[in-house]
C-alpha atoms as a PDB file:
ATOM      1  CA  MET A   1      -5.012  22.292 -23.244  1.00  0.00           C
ATOM      2  CA  ASP A   2      -4.945  22.598 -27.053  1.00  0.00           C
ATOM      3  CA  GLY A   3      -7.501  21.092 -29.443  1.00  0.00           C
ATOM      4  CA  ASN A   4      -5.493  17.913 -29.993  1.00  0.00           C
ATOM      5  CA  GLY A   5      -5.013  17.428 -26.279  1.00  0.00           C
ATOM      6  CA  MET A   6      -8.738  17.929 -25.609  1.00  0.00           C
ATOM      7  CA  TYR A   7      -9.569  15.388 -28.328  1.00  0.00           C
ATOM      8  CA  CYS A   8      -7.190  12.817 -26.796  1.00  0.00           C
ATOM      9  CA  PHE A   9      -8.665  13.457 -23.346  1.00  0.00           C
ATOM     10  CA  LYS A  10     -12.251  12.996 -24.572  1.00  0.00           C
ATOM     11  CA  LYS A  11     -11.278   9.879 -26.489  1.00  0.00           C
ATOM     12  CA  SER A  12      -9.539   8.382 -23.459  1.00  0.00           C
ATOM     13  CA  LEU A  13     -12.509   9.233 -21.232  1.00  0.00           C
ATOM     14  CA  ALA A  14     -14.937   7.634 -23.686  1.00  0.00           C
ATOM     15  CA  GLU A  15     -12.848   4.466 -23.882  1.00  0.00           C
ATOM     16  CA  ASN A  16     -11.967   4.135 -20.187  1.00  0.00           C
ATOM     17  CA  GLY A  17     -14.672   6.102 -18.359  1.00  0.00           C
ATOM     18  CA  LYS A  18     -16.928   3.156 -17.566  1.00  0.00           C
ATOM     19  CA  PHE A  19     -13.984   1.171 -16.189  1.00  0.00           C
ATOM     20  CA  TYR A  20     -12.839   4.100 -14.043  1.00  0.00           C
ATOM     21  CA  LEU A  21     -16.358   4.590 -12.698  1.00  0.00           C
ATOM     22  CA  ALA A  22     -16.744   0.879 -11.916  1.00  0.00           C
ATOM     23  CA  SER A  23     -13.359   0.922 -10.168  1.00  0.00           C
ATOM     24  CA  VAL A  24     -14.254   3.949  -8.023  1.00  0.00           C
ATOM     25  CA  VAL A  25     -17.571   2.402  -6.957  1.00  0.00           C
ATOM     26  CA  LEU A  26     -15.953  -0.962  -6.222  1.00  0.00           C
ATOM     27  CA  LEU A  27     -12.994   0.419  -4.241  1.00  0.00           C
ATOM     28  CA  LEU A  28     -15.171   2.808  -2.223  1.00  0.00           C
ATOM     29  CA  GLY A  29     -17.515  -0.097  -1.530  1.00  0.00           C
ATOM     30  CA  ILE A  30     -14.615  -2.198  -0.218  1.00  0.00           C
ATOM     31  CA  LYS A  31     -13.436   0.722   1.925  1.00  0.00           C
ATOM     32  CA  TYR A  32     -16.813   1.322   3.533  1.00  0.00           C
ATOM     33  CA  PHE A  33     -17.344  -2.397   4.048  1.00  0.00           C
ATOM     34  CA  TYR A  34     -13.946  -2.603   5.768  1.00  0.00           C
ATOM     35  CA  ALA A  35     -14.761   0.377   8.009  1.00  0.00           C
ATOM     36  CA  THR A  36     -17.490  -1.587   9.805  1.00  0.00           C
ATOM     37  CA  ALA A  37     -16.358  -5.194   9.270  1.00  0.00           C
ATOM     38  CA  ASP A  38     -15.290  -7.517  12.078  1.00  0.00           C
ATOM     39  CA  SER A  39     -12.849 -10.416  11.820  1.00  0.00           C
ATOM     40  CA  ASP A  40     -15.588 -12.860  10.763  1.00  0.00           C
ATOM     41  CA  GLN A  41     -16.330 -10.699   7.726  1.00  0.00           C
ATOM     42  CA  LEU A  42     -12.631 -10.330   6.918  1.00  0.00           C
ATOM     43  CA  LEU A  43     -11.653 -13.998   7.064  1.00  0.00           C
ATOM     44  CA  TRP A  44     -11.082 -13.890   3.288  1.00  0.00           C
ATOM     45  CA  ILE A  45      -7.906 -11.879   3.930  1.00  0.00           C
ATOM     46  CA  LEU A  46      -7.081 -12.555   7.600  1.00  0.00           C
ATOM     47  CA  ALA A  47      -7.034 -16.368   7.264  1.00  0.00           C
ATOM     48  CA  PRO A  48      -4.564 -16.550   4.329  1.00  0.00           C
ATOM     49  CA  THR A  49      -2.398 -13.907   6.022  1.00  0.00           C
ATOM     50  CA  ALA A  50      -2.226 -15.965   9.221  1.00  0.00           C
ATOM     51  CA  TRP A  51      -1.444 -19.058   7.131  1.00  0.00           C
ATOM     52  CA  TRP A  52       1.329 -17.192   5.272  1.00  0.00           C
ATOM     53  CA  ILE A  53       2.878 -15.960   8.534  1.00  0.00           C
ATOM     54  CA  GLY A  54       2.890 -19.544   9.769  1.00  0.00           C
ATOM     55  CA  ILE A  55       4.652 -20.685   6.586  1.00  0.00           C
ATOM     56  CA  LEU A  56       7.290 -17.959   6.943  1.00  0.00           C
ATOM     57  CA  SER A  57       7.998 -18.332  10.644  1.00  0.00           C
ATOM     58  CA  GLY A  58       6.229 -21.325  12.133  1.00  0.00           C
ATOM     59  CA  ILE A  59       4.315 -18.973  14.454  1.00  0.00           C
ATOM     60  CA  PRO A  60       0.851 -20.489  14.971  1.00  0.00           C
ATOM     61  CA  PHE A  61      -2.311 -18.415  15.238  1.00  0.00           C
ATOM     62  CA  GLU A  62      -5.611 -19.397  16.818  1.00  0.00           C
ATOM     63  CA  TYR A  63      -8.811 -17.855  15.518  1.00  0.00           C
ATOM     64  CA  VAL A  64     -11.063 -16.280  18.135  1.00  0.00           C
ATOM     65  CA  SER A  65     -14.290 -14.761  16.809  1.00  0.00           C
ATOM     66  CA  PRO A  66     -14.851 -11.837  16.466  1.00  0.00           C
ATOM     67  CA  ILE A  67     -11.419 -10.655  17.681  1.00  0.00           C
ATOM     68  CA  GLY A  68      -9.141 -12.183  15.060  1.00  0.00           C
ATOM     69  CA  PHE A  69      -6.168 -14.547  14.931  1.00  0.00           C
ATOM     70  CA  ILE A  70      -4.247 -14.641  18.214  1.00  0.00           C
ATOM     71  CA  ASN A  71      -0.778 -15.846  19.146  1.00  0.00           C
ATOM     72  CA  HIS A  72      -0.534 -16.088  22.924  1.00  0.00           C
ATOM     73  CA  SER A  73       3.241 -16.586  23.099  1.00  0.00           C
ATOM     74  CA  PHE A  74       3.985 -13.252  21.435  1.00  0.00           C
ATOM     75  CA  GLN A  75       0.759 -11.619  22.664  1.00  0.00           C
ATOM     76  CA  PHE A  76      -0.041 -10.540  19.122  1.00  0.00           C
ATOM     77  CA  ILE A  77      -3.501 -10.210  17.572  1.00  0.00           C
ATOM     78  CA  LEU A  78      -4.047 -10.242  13.829  1.00  0.00           C
ATOM     79  CA  ALA A  79      -7.176  -8.107  14.020  1.00  0.00           C
ATOM     80  CA  PRO A  80      -9.218  -6.355  11.294  1.00  0.00           C
ATOM     81  CA  SER A  81      -6.986  -3.282  11.641  1.00  0.00           C
ATOM     82  CA  CYS A  82      -4.008  -5.495  10.706  1.00  0.00           C
ATOM     83  CA  SER A  83      -5.702  -7.072   7.675  1.00  0.00           C
ATOM     84  CA  GLY A  84      -4.053  -4.786   5.117  1.00  0.00           C
ATOM     85  CA  VAL A  85      -7.327  -3.972   3.333  1.00  0.00           C
ATOM     86  CA  ARG A  86      -6.388  -0.295   3.018  1.00  0.00           C
ATOM     87  CA  PHE A  87      -3.095  -1.261   1.421  1.00  0.00           C
ATOM     88  CA  MET A  88      -4.962  -3.560  -0.968  1.00  0.00           C
ATOM     89  CA  ILE A  89      -7.207  -0.655  -1.978  1.00  0.00           C
ATOM     90  CA  ILE A  90      -4.169   1.590  -2.530  1.00  0.00           C
ATOM     91  CA  CYS A  91      -2.460  -1.058  -4.695  1.00  0.00           C
ATOM     92  CA  ALA A  92      -5.606  -1.629  -6.750  1.00  0.00           C
ATOM     93  CA  ALA A  93      -6.220   2.109  -7.272  1.00  0.00           C
ATOM     94  CA  MET A  94      -2.616   2.661  -8.327  1.00  0.00           C
ATOM     95  CA  LEU A  95      -2.599  -0.233 -10.795  1.00  0.00           C
ATOM     96  CA  ILE A  96      -5.981   0.585 -12.310  1.00  0.00           C
ATOM     97  CA  PHE A  97      -5.770   4.365 -12.642  1.00  0.00           C
ATOM     98  CA  SER A  98      -2.095   4.458 -13.603  1.00  0.00           C
ATOM     99  CA  PHE A  99      -2.110   1.753 -16.282  1.00  0.00           C
ATOM    100  CA  LEU A 100      -5.646   0.985 -17.488  1.00  0.00           C
ATOM    101  CA  HIS A 101      -5.496   3.635 -20.239  1.00  0.00           C
ATOM    102  CA  ARG A 102      -2.630   1.718 -21.869  1.00  0.00           C
ATOM    103  CA  MET A 103      -4.897  -1.212 -22.643  1.00  0.00           C
ATOM    104  CA  LYS A 104      -6.063  -1.022 -26.271  1.00  0.00           C
ATOM    105  CA  THR A 105      -9.342  -2.971 -26.199  1.00  0.00           C
ATOM    106  CA  HIS A 106     -12.343  -3.257 -23.877  1.00  0.00           C
ATOM    107  CA  TRP A 107     -11.493  -6.891 -23.218  1.00  0.00           C
ATOM    108  CA  LYS A 108      -7.927  -6.016 -22.201  1.00  0.00           C
ATOM    109  CA  ARG A 109      -9.225  -3.209 -19.966  1.00  0.00           C
ATOM    110  CA  PHE A 110     -11.609  -5.606 -18.250  1.00  0.00           C
ATOM    111  CA  LEU A 111      -8.813  -8.133 -17.772  1.00  0.00           C
ATOM    112  CA  TRP A 112      -6.539  -5.406 -16.385  1.00  0.00           C
ATOM    113  CA  LEU A 113      -9.201  -4.245 -13.909  1.00  0.00           C
ATOM    114  CA  THR A 114      -9.944  -7.736 -12.602  1.00  0.00           C
ATOM    115  CA  GLY A 115      -6.270  -8.721 -12.713  1.00  0.00           C
ATOM    116  CA  SER A 116      -5.316  -5.600 -10.737  1.00  0.00           C
ATOM    117  CA  LEU A 117      -7.806  -6.502  -8.015  1.00  0.00           C
ATOM    118  CA  ALA A 118      -6.549 -10.094  -7.845  1.00  0.00           C
ATOM    119  CA  LEU A 119      -2.892  -9.043  -7.850  1.00  0.00           C
ATOM    120  CA  SER A 120      -3.530  -6.424  -5.144  1.00  0.00           C
ATOM    121  CA  TYR A 121      -5.174  -9.057  -2.954  1.00  0.00           C
ATOM    122  CA  LEU A 122      -2.316 -11.562  -3.323  1.00  0.00           C
ATOM    123  CA  PHE A 123       0.365  -8.863  -3.036  1.00  0.00           C
ATOM    124  CA  THR A 124      -1.234  -7.551   0.174  1.00  0.00           C
ATOM    125  CA  ILE A 125      -1.145 -10.989   1.790  1.00  0.00           C
ATOM    126  CA  LEU A 126       2.480 -11.428   0.722  1.00  0.00           C
ATOM    127  CA  VAL A 127       3.626  -8.043   2.049  1.00  0.00           C
ATOM    128  CA  ASN A 128       1.432  -8.071   5.148  1.00  0.00           C
ATOM    129  CA  GLY A 129       2.943 -11.357   6.295  1.00  0.00           C
ATOM    130  CA  PHE A 130       6.414  -9.792   6.351  1.00  0.00           C
ATOM    131  CA  ARG A 131       5.049  -6.650   7.995  1.00  0.00           C
ATOM    132  CA  VAL A 132       3.480  -8.631  10.831  1.00  0.00           C
ATOM    133  CA  LEU A 133       6.641 -10.642  11.424  1.00  0.00           C
ATOM    134  CA  ILE A 134       8.804  -7.529  11.592  1.00  0.00           C
ATOM    135  CA  SER A 135       6.220  -5.918  13.892  1.00  0.00           C
ATOM    136  CA  ILE A 136       6.618  -8.927  16.201  1.00  0.00           C
ATOM    137  CA  TRP A 137      10.366  -9.421  16.043  1.00  0.00           C
ATOM    138  CA  LEU A 138      11.766  -5.873  15.851  1.00  0.00           C
ATOM    139  CA  PRO A 139      10.251  -4.620  19.153  1.00  0.00           C
ATOM    140  CA  LEU A 140      11.469  -7.815  20.855  1.00  0.00           C
ATOM    141  CA  PHE A 141      14.980  -7.271  19.474  1.00  0.00           C
ATOM    142  CA  LEU A 142      15.005  -3.626  20.547  1.00  0.00           C
ATOM    143  CA  PHE A 143      13.734  -4.535  24.015  1.00  0.00           C
ATOM    144  CA  LYS A 144      16.290  -7.311  24.538  1.00  0.00           C
ATOM    145  CA  SER A 145      19.133  -5.120  23.315  1.00  0.00           C
ATOM    146  CA  GLY A 146      18.103  -2.313  25.627  1.00  0.00           C
ATOM    147  CA  ALA A 147      17.644   0.061  22.708  1.00  0.00           C
ATOM    148  CA  PHE A 148      13.885   0.247  23.186  1.00  0.00           C
ATOM    149  CA  ARG A 149      14.246   1.749  26.662  1.00  0.00           C
ATOM    150  CA  THR A 150      16.263   4.567  25.091  1.00  0.00           C
ATOM    151  CA  LEU A 151      14.016   4.978  22.062  1.00  0.00           C
ATOM    152  CA  ASN A 152      10.888   4.807  24.194  1.00  0.00           C
ATOM    153  CA  GLN A 153      11.530   8.360  25.289  1.00  0.00           C
ATOM    154  CA  TRP A 154      10.247   9.532  21.900  1.00  0.00           C
ATOM    155  CA  LEU A 155       9.139   6.376  20.047  1.00  0.00           C
ATOM    156  CA  THR A 156       6.410   4.370  21.746  1.00  0.00           C
ATOM    157  CA  ALA A 157       5.506   0.805  20.811  1.00  0.00           C
ATOM    158  CA  GLU A 158       2.418   2.083  18.983  1.00  0.00           C
ATOM    159  CA  ASN A 159       4.434   4.660  17.025  1.00  0.00           C
ATOM    160  CA  LEU A 160       7.012   2.019  16.121  1.00  0.00           C
ATOM    161  CA  HIS A 161       4.248  -0.276  14.869  1.00  0.00           C
ATOM    162  CA  THR A 162       2.854   2.504  12.663  1.00  0.00           C
ATOM    163  CA  MET A 163       6.267   3.375  11.223  1.00  0.00           C
ATOM    164  CA  ILE A 164       7.110  -0.274  10.486  1.00  0.00           C
ATOM    165  CA  GLY A 165       3.859  -0.629   8.556  1.00  0.00           C
ATOM    166  CA  THR A 166       4.448   2.622   6.678  1.00  0.00           C
ATOM    167  CA  ILE A 167       8.002   1.736   5.639  1.00  0.00           C
ATOM    168  CA  ILE A 168       7.115  -1.772   4.459  1.00  0.00           C
ATOM    169  CA  TYR A 169       3.883  -0.830   2.703  1.00  0.00           C
ATOM    170  CA  PHE A 170       5.295   2.255   0.987  1.00  0.00           C
ATOM    171  CA  THR A 171       8.487   0.530  -0.181  1.00  0.00           C
ATOM    172  CA  SER A 172       6.442  -2.394  -1.499  1.00  0.00           C
ATOM    173  CA  LEU A 173       4.137  -0.001  -3.347  1.00  0.00           C
ATOM    174  CA  LEU A 174       7.102   1.608  -5.088  1.00  0.00           C
ATOM    175  CA  ALA A 175       8.429  -1.822  -6.040  1.00  0.00           C
ATOM    176  CA  LEU A 176       5.024  -2.886  -7.387  1.00  0.00           C
ATOM    177  CA  TYR A 177       4.738   0.211  -9.578  1.00  0.00           C
ATOM    178  CA  ALA A 178       8.307  -0.040 -10.876  1.00  0.00           C
ATOM    179  CA  THR A 179       7.888  -3.738 -11.718  1.00  0.00           C
ATOM    180  CA  THR A 180       4.556  -3.141 -13.470  1.00  0.00           C
ATOM    181  CA  GLU A 181       5.994  -0.243 -15.456  1.00  0.00           C
ATOM    182  CA  ALA A 182       8.991  -2.309 -16.542  1.00  0.00           C
ATOM    183  CA  CYS A 183       6.840  -5.305 -17.515  1.00  0.00           C
ATOM    184  CA  LEU A 184       4.436  -3.228 -19.597  1.00  0.00           C
ATOM    185  CA  LYS A 185       7.297  -1.572 -21.423  1.00  0.00           C
ATOM    186  CA  LYS A 186       8.855  -5.007 -21.985  1.00  0.00           C
ATOM    187  CA  THR A 187      12.237  -3.711 -20.975  1.00  0.00           C
ATOM    188  CA  SER A 188      15.023  -5.273 -18.996  1.00  0.00           C
ATOM    189  CA  ASP A 189      15.705  -2.006 -17.158  1.00  0.00           C
ATOM    190  CA  SER A 190      15.336  -2.520 -13.428  1.00  0.00           C
ATOM    191  CA  ILE A 191      14.549   1.174 -12.924  1.00  0.00           C
ATOM    192  CA  PRO A 192      12.019   2.898 -15.233  1.00  0.00           C
ATOM    193  CA  ARG A 193      13.320   5.988 -16.972  1.00  0.00           C
ATOM    194  CA  SER A 194      10.431   8.252 -16.016  1.00  0.00           C
ATOM    195  CA  ALA A 195      10.570   9.816 -12.558  1.00  0.00           C
ATOM    196  CA  ARG A 196       6.832   9.329 -12.172  1.00  0.00           C
ATOM    197  CA  TRP A 197       7.389   5.756 -10.967  1.00  0.00           C
ATOM    198  CA  TRP A 198       8.201   7.080  -7.527  1.00  0.00           C
ATOM    199  CA  TRP A 199       5.863  10.063  -7.191  1.00  0.00           C
ATOM    200  CA  LEU A 200       2.712   8.395  -8.586  1.00  0.00           C
ATOM    201  CA  PRO A 201       2.727   5.657  -5.893  1.00  0.00           C
ATOM    202  CA  ALA A 202       3.236   8.417  -3.298  1.00  0.00           C
ATOM    203  CA  PHE A 203       0.176  10.230  -4.629  1.00  0.00           C
ATOM    204  CA  TRP A 204      -2.051   7.165  -4.335  1.00  0.00           C
ATOM    205  CA  TYR A 205      -0.649   6.247  -0.933  1.00  0.00           C
ATOM    206  CA  PHE A 206      -1.335   9.622   0.661  1.00  0.00           C
ATOM    207  CA  ALA A 207      -4.567  10.283  -1.242  1.00  0.00           C
ATOM    208  CA  ILE A 208      -6.191   7.141   0.156  1.00  0.00           C
ATOM    209  CA  LEU A 209      -4.430   6.948   3.526  1.00  0.00           C
ATOM    210  CA  LEU A 210      -4.895  10.599   4.514  1.00  0.00           C
ATOM    211  CA  GLY A 211      -6.945  12.310   1.798  1.00  0.00           C
ATOM    212  CA  ILE A 212     -10.136  10.238   1.976  1.00  0.00           C
ATOM    213  CA  PRO A 213     -10.383  10.419   5.808  1.00  0.00           C
ATOM    214  CA  LEU A 214     -10.065  14.215   5.532  1.00  0.00           C
ATOM    215  CA  LEU A 215     -12.797  14.372   2.901  1.00  0.00           C
ATOM    216  CA  ASN A 216     -15.058  12.381   5.214  1.00  0.00           C
ATOM    217  CA  ARG A 217     -14.248  14.483   8.273  1.00  0.00           C
ATOM    218  CA  PRO A 218     -12.517  17.787   7.380  1.00  0.00           C
ATOM    219  CA  TYR A 219     -12.330  18.798  11.035  1.00  0.00           C
ATOM    220  CA  LYS A 220      -9.837  15.981  11.627  1.00  0.00           C
ATOM    221  CA  ALA A 221      -7.153  17.997   9.827  1.00  0.00           C
ATOM    222  CA  SER A 222      -6.502  20.047  12.946  1.00  0.00           C
ATOM    223  CA  SER A 223      -6.857  17.258  15.509  1.00  0.00           C
ATOM    224  CA  PRO A 224      -3.613  16.376  17.361  1.00  0.00           C
ATOM    225  CA  ALA A 225      -4.151  12.636  16.849  1.00  0.00           C
ATOM    226  CA  PHE A 226      -4.507  12.989  13.073  1.00  0.00           C
ATOM    227  CA  LEU A 227      -1.547  15.363  12.785  1.00  0.00           C
ATOM    228  CA  HIS A 228       0.550  12.952  14.841  1.00  0.00           C
ATOM    229  CA  TYR A 229      -0.441  10.027  12.595  1.00  0.00           C
ATOM    230  CA  ALA A 230       0.162  12.075   9.439  1.00  0.00           C
ATOM    231  CA  GLY A 231       3.636  12.977  10.665  1.00  0.00           C
ATOM    232  CA  LEU A 232       4.477   9.372  11.537  1.00  0.00           C
ATOM    233  CA  THR A 233       3.510   8.226   8.049  1.00  0.00           C
ATOM    234  CA  ALA A 234       4.856  11.193   6.081  1.00  0.00           C
ATOM    235  CA  LEU A 235       8.343  11.288   7.608  1.00  0.00           C
ATOM    236  CA  PRO A 236       9.415   7.724   6.623  1.00  0.00           C
ATOM    237  CA  CYS A 237       7.846   8.156   3.176  1.00  0.00           C
ATOM    238  CA  MET A 238       9.746  11.402   2.557  1.00  0.00           C
ATOM    239  CA  ILE A 239      13.009   9.741   3.574  1.00  0.00           C
ATOM    240  CA  ILE A 240      12.295   6.753   1.299  1.00  0.00           C
ATOM    241  CA  LEU A 241      11.321   9.030  -1.611  1.00  0.00           C
ATOM    242  CA  GLY A 242      14.446  11.121  -1.154  1.00  0.00           C
ATOM    243  CA  THR A 243      16.670   8.028  -1.105  1.00  0.00           C
ATOM    244  CA  VAL A 244      14.937   6.414  -4.083  1.00  0.00           C
ATOM    245  CA  GLY A 245      15.010   9.704  -5.985  1.00  0.00           C
ATOM    246  CA  LEU A 246      18.751  10.045  -5.509  1.00  0.00           C
ATOM    247  CA  ILE A 247      19.327   6.437  -6.598  1.00  0.00           C
ATOM    248  CA  TRP A 248      17.116   6.929  -9.682  1.00  0.00           C
ATOM    249  CA  LEU A 249      18.899  10.189 -10.544  1.00  0.00           C
ATOM    250  CA  PHE A 250      22.297   8.507 -10.220  1.00  0.00           C
ATOM    251  CA  PHE A 251      21.403   5.649 -12.600  1.00  0.00           C
ATOM    252  CA  HIS A 252      19.563   8.011 -14.945  1.00  0.00           C
ATOM    253  CA  LYS A 253      22.631  10.242 -15.267  1.00  0.00           C
ATOM    254  CA  LEU A 254      24.902   7.213 -15.542  1.00  0.00           C
ATOM    255  CA  LYS A 255      22.966   5.904 -18.556  1.00  0.00           C
ATOM    256  CA  LYS A 256      23.213   9.309 -20.235  1.00  0.00           C
ATOM    257  CA  TYR A 257      26.990   9.274 -20.094  1.00  0.00           C
ATOM    258  CA  LYS A 258      27.363   5.708 -21.395  1.00  0.00           C
END
């Protein structure tokens, strides 16, 4: 790093450091709170999610403390593990650490930090409602069509549930980053020109989903359960990234030749 680059880095750190530190403390606090919280402590996100699912589908949920929101007809429980808090943390981290440095004043940085947290909360409820519905309906469709009996040889119901969540969350994260990038640049382009719009969300997704658990318990890296989970999440993400990358490259090259 040359002298000018070091000066810019120090200046950026001086301007944004306190906001980054506050964000790290806050997000880690939410994560550790979530790790031990039951459904009563997570009503602030479980209740609006259950309400949103009801709006989308008419499927009613009954709250049973401390289990969560239950639908007996579909035998589905909206438990703390289904709350989407980890996804909310990922969204907030991505929005804050990817865009905060673009804010020119302390007031704008504060507004961006608080706005990112609020947007991540609302976006999580929005996305999680669709995720839950697909997690209910897709297995039923596969079972009725007979496809699940064939797929069940290598894709269990639990694995399918994990992959559905991964695909929906990761795709939504890419869309959130691309939309934020486009809005901040005040451009009508639907796809940002920089390729970072699809690898930066991937960084935050895997850093928080897999990286933090490994930092807490390094021995988990070699455990079969963790490797299995890592594979189930990484494979769909790699396919999505490859597809999105090809689409971005196509439009990027197309604009060059216009």
